[in-house]
């Protein structure tokens, strides 16, 4: 018997125009500070999402996921924001099967989005 392991891969992108606006408004140092804090907060909240899911703490998971949306929007991670919204919809609909799948997707996209924005910044130039 062969077992096939499926590893879903989705393209993620960072809205560089949104980041450019952030840099224009705050200057390089200010924008980099905001982006770094946002990345740290996203990573922490994604880890917390997984923990809350394991604890079946649905109201707290919803609250934590809603905060992901605002942070992701701030730094141009539209896909992460959209999937976080999908997670809250699963909770609101008491659809635990869909929640398991959608939360897994959120964590995958979140990880890839963090890498994507990090890669943009590691080119040695401002993100814009």
C-alpha atoms as a PDB file:
ATOM      1  CA  UNK A   1       0.000   0.000   0.000  1.00  0.00           C
ATOM      2  CA  UNK A   2       1.261   3.428  -0.909  1.00  0.00           C
ATOM      3  CA  UNK A   3       0.372   6.468   1.118  1.00  0.00           C
ATOM      4  CA  UNK A   4       0.312   9.789  -0.630  1.00  0.00           C
ATOM      5  CA  UNK A   5       0.974  12.810   1.494  1.00  0.00           C
ATOM      6  CA  UNK A   6      -0.528  15.983   0.098  1.00  0.00           C
ATOM      7  CA  UNK A   7       1.307  19.187   0.853  1.00  0.00           C
ATOM      8  CA  UNK A   8      -0.858  22.102  -0.229  1.00  0.00           C
ATOM      9  CA  UNK A   9       1.084  25.009  -1.654  1.00  0.00           C
ATOM     10  CA  UNK A  10      -0.455  28.383  -2.291  1.00  0.00           C
ATOM     11  CA  UNK A  11       1.174  31.436  -3.668  1.00  0.00           C
ATOM     12  CA  UNK A  12       1.316  34.239  -1.150  1.00  0.00           C
ATOM     13  CA  UNK A  13       2.192  37.784  -1.897  1.00  0.00           C
ATOM     14  CA  UNK A  14       2.726  40.962  -0.003  1.00  0.00           C
ATOM     15  CA  UNK A  15       1.076  44.146  -1.201  1.00  0.00           C
ATOM     16  CA  UNK A  16       4.211  46.147  -1.860  1.00  0.00           C
ATOM     17  CA  UNK A  17       2.094  49.221  -2.610  1.00  0.00           C
ATOM     18  CA  UNK A  18       0.652  49.028   0.915  1.00  0.00           C
ATOM     19  CA  UNK A  19       4.164  48.734   2.315  1.00  0.00           C
ATOM     20  CA  UNK A  20       5.286  51.637   0.147  1.00  0.00           C
ATOM     21  CA  UNK A  21       2.509  53.779   1.595  1.00  0.00           C
ATOM     22  CA  UNK A  22       3.604  52.801   5.087  1.00  0.00           C
ATOM     23  CA  UNK A  23       7.180  53.811   4.288  1.00  0.00           C
ATOM     24  CA  UNK A  24       6.029  57.100   2.754  1.00  0.00           C
ATOM     25  CA  UNK A  25       3.925  57.922   5.812  1.00  0.00           C
ATOM     26  CA  UNK A  26       6.348  56.836   8.535  1.00  0.00           C
ATOM     27  CA  UNK A  27       9.768  57.054   6.926  1.00  0.00           C
ATOM     28  CA  UNK A  28      12.143  54.124   6.643  1.00  0.00           C
ATOM     29  CA  UNK A  29      12.939  53.711  10.340  1.00  0.00           C
ATOM     30  CA  UNK A  30       9.333  54.131  11.459  1.00  0.00           C
ATOM     31  CA  UNK A  31       7.962  51.747   8.853  1.00  0.00           C
ATOM     32  CA  UNK A  32      10.595  49.115   9.577  1.00  0.00           C
ATOM     33  CA  UNK A  33       9.707  49.343  13.258  1.00  0.00           C
ATOM     34  CA  UNK A  34       5.998  48.891  12.500  1.00  0.00           C
ATOM     35  CA  UNK A  35       6.650  45.982  10.131  1.00  0.00           C
ATOM     36  CA  UNK A  36       8.996  44.219  12.572  1.00  0.00           C
ATOM     37  CA  UNK A  37       6.526  44.571  15.439  1.00  0.00           C
ATOM     38  CA  UNK A  38       3.691  43.376  13.189  1.00  0.00           C
ATOM     39  CA  UNK A  39       5.672  40.312  12.114  1.00  0.00           C
ATOM     40  CA  UNK A  40       6.449  39.428  15.720  1.00  0.00           C
ATOM     41  CA  UNK A  41       2.819  39.891  16.697  1.00  0.00           C
ATOM     42  CA  UNK A  42       1.591  37.785  13.770  1.00  0.00           C
ATOM     43  CA  UNK A  43       3.951  34.946  14.637  1.00  0.00           C
ATOM     44  CA  UNK A  44       2.887  35.049  18.278  1.00  0.00           C
ATOM     45  CA  UNK A  45      -0.831  35.156  17.432  1.00  0.00           C
ATOM     46  CA  UNK A  46      -0.570  32.291  14.945  1.00  0.00           C
ATOM     47  CA  UNK A  47       1.070  30.136  17.614  1.00  0.00           C
ATOM     48  CA  UNK A  48      -1.650  31.207  20.035  1.00  0.00           C
ATOM     49  CA  UNK A  49      -4.345  30.265  17.465  1.00  0.00           C
ATOM     50  CA  UNK A  50      -3.048  26.714  17.391  1.00  0.00           C
ATOM     51  CA  UNK A  51      -3.012  26.538  21.190  1.00  0.00           C
ATOM     52  CA  UNK A  52      -6.554  27.935  21.474  1.00  0.00           C
ATOM     53  CA  UNK A  53      -7.775  25.461  18.880  1.00  0.00           C
ATOM     54  CA  UNK A  54      -6.286  22.551  20.838  1.00  0.00           C
ATOM     55  CA  UNK A  55      -8.024  23.880  23.974  1.00  0.00           C
ATOM     56  CA  UNK A  56     -11.319  24.321  22.061  1.00  0.00           C
ATOM     57  CA  UNK A  57     -11.453  27.884  23.315  1.00  0.00           C
ATOM     58  CA  UNK A  58     -13.631  29.143  20.467  1.00  0.00           C
ATOM     59  CA  UNK A  59     -14.425  32.701  21.695  1.00  0.00           C
ATOM     60  CA  UNK A  60     -10.753  33.376  22.393  1.00  0.00           C
ATOM     61  CA  UNK A  61      -9.716  31.798  19.096  1.00  0.00           C
ATOM     62  CA  UNK A  62     -12.176  34.062  17.289  1.00  0.00           C
ATOM     63  CA  UNK A  63     -10.886  37.147  19.106  1.00  0.00           C
ATOM     64  CA  UNK A  64      -7.250  36.231  18.431  1.00  0.00           C
ATOM     65  CA  UNK A  65      -7.982  35.540  14.757  1.00  0.00           C
ATOM     66  CA  UNK A  66      -9.834  38.852  14.341  1.00  0.00           C
ATOM     67  CA  UNK A  67      -6.746  40.661  15.604  1.00  0.00           C
ATOM     68  CA  UNK A  68      -4.684  38.828  12.956  1.00  0.00           C
ATOM     69  CA  UNK A  69      -6.874  40.421  10.292  1.00  0.00           C
ATOM     70  CA  UNK A  70      -6.083  43.968  11.401  1.00  0.00           C
ATOM     71  CA  UNK A  71      -2.352  43.305  11.684  1.00  0.00           C
ATOM     72  CA  UNK A  72      -2.163  41.530   8.315  1.00  0.00           C
ATOM     73  CA  UNK A  73      -4.089  44.341   6.617  1.00  0.00           C
ATOM     74  CA  UNK A  74      -1.733  46.931   8.093  1.00  0.00           C
ATOM     75  CA  UNK A  75       1.304  45.434   6.366  1.00  0.00           C
ATOM     76  CA  UNK A  76      -0.249  44.254   3.107  1.00  0.00           C
ATOM     77  CA  UNK A  77      -0.909  40.566   3.741  1.00  0.00           C
ATOM     78  CA  UNK A  78      -4.304  40.377   2.040  1.00  0.00           C
ATOM     79  CA  UNK A  79      -4.447  36.586   1.668  1.00  0.00           C
ATOM     80  CA  UNK A  80      -3.599  36.041   5.328  1.00  0.00           C
ATOM     81  CA  UNK A  81      -6.306  38.517   6.271  1.00  0.00           C
ATOM     82  CA  UNK A  82      -8.873  36.788   4.042  1.00  0.00           C
ATOM     83  CA  UNK A  83      -8.128  33.330   5.431  1.00  0.00           C
ATOM     84  CA  UNK A  84      -8.264  34.656   9.006  1.00  0.00           C
ATOM     85  CA  UNK A  85     -11.705  36.001   8.151  1.00  0.00           C
ATOM     86  CA  UNK A  86     -12.648  32.523   6.874  1.00  0.00           C
ATOM     87  CA  UNK A  87     -11.556  31.057  10.223  1.00  0.00           C
ATOM     88  CA  UNK A  88     -13.845  33.440  12.105  1.00  0.00           C
ATOM     89  CA  UNK A  89     -16.709  32.447   9.794  1.00  0.00           C
ATOM     90  CA  UNK A  90     -16.131  28.768  10.605  1.00  0.00           C
ATOM     91  CA  UNK A  91     -16.290  29.571  14.311  1.00  0.00           C
ATOM     92  CA  UNK A  92     -19.434  31.676  13.864  1.00  0.00           C
ATOM     93  CA  UNK A  93     -21.061  28.810  11.931  1.00  0.00           C
ATOM     94  CA  UNK A  94     -19.973  26.176  14.490  1.00  0.00           C
ATOM     95  CA  UNK A  95     -18.411  24.259  11.598  1.00  0.00           C
ATOM     96  CA  UNK A  96     -15.629  22.424  13.392  1.00  0.00           C
ATOM     97  CA  UNK A  97     -14.568  20.303  10.421  1.00  0.00           C
ATOM     98  CA  UNK A  98     -14.147  23.373   8.224  1.00  0.00           C
ATOM     99  CA  UNK A  99     -12.425  25.153  11.107  1.00  0.00           C
ATOM    100  CA  UNK A 100      -9.762  22.443  11.344  1.00  0.00           C
ATOM    101  CA  UNK A 101      -8.991  22.704   7.633  1.00  0.00           C
ATOM    102  CA  UNK A 102      -9.201  26.486   7.478  1.00  0.00           C
ATOM    103  CA  UNK A 103      -7.048  27.013  10.544  1.00  0.00           C
ATOM    104  CA  UNK A 104      -4.416  24.710   9.046  1.00  0.00           C
ATOM    105  CA  UNK A 105      -4.548  26.817   5.895  1.00  0.00           C
ATOM    106  CA  UNK A 106      -4.222  30.000   7.979  1.00  0.00           C
ATOM    107  CA  UNK A 107      -1.092  28.692   9.677  1.00  0.00           C
ATOM    108  CA  UNK A 108       0.466  27.590   6.350  1.00  0.00           C
ATOM    109  CA  UNK A 109      -0.284  30.893   4.649  1.00  0.00           C
ATOM    110  CA  UNK A 110       0.809  32.826   7.706  1.00  0.00           C
ATOM    111  CA  UNK A 111       4.171  31.102   7.766  1.00  0.00           C
ATOM    112  CA  UNK A 112       4.690  31.620   4.043  1.00  0.00           C
ATOM    113  CA  UNK A 113       3.585  35.268   4.307  1.00  0.00           C
ATOM    114  CA  UNK A 114       6.088  35.926   7.085  1.00  0.00           C
ATOM    115  CA  UNK A 115       8.822  34.434   4.918  1.00  0.00           C
ATOM    116  CA  UNK A 116       7.691  36.482   1.892  1.00  0.00           C
ATOM    117  CA  UNK A 117       7.828  39.796   3.730  1.00  0.00           C
ATOM    118  CA  UNK A 118      11.118  38.868   5.363  1.00  0.00           C
ATOM    119  CA  UNK A 119      12.569  38.058   1.921  1.00  0.00           C
ATOM    120  CA  UNK A 120      11.482  41.452   0.592  1.00  0.00           C
ATOM    121  CA  UNK A 121      13.249  43.217   3.444  1.00  0.00           C
ATOM    122  CA  UNK A 122      16.387  41.077   3.251  1.00  0.00           C
ATOM    123  CA  UNK A 123      17.293  42.379  -0.187  1.00  0.00           C
ATOM    124  CA  UNK A 124      19.226  45.151   1.557  1.00  0.00           C
ATOM    125  CA  UNK A 125      16.892  47.862   0.317  1.00  0.00           C
ATOM    126  CA  UNK A 126      13.792  49.494   1.725  1.00  0.00           C
ATOM    127  CA  UNK A 127      10.709  47.396   1.063  1.00  0.00           C
ATOM    128  CA  UNK A 128       9.272  49.973  -1.357  1.00  0.00           C
END
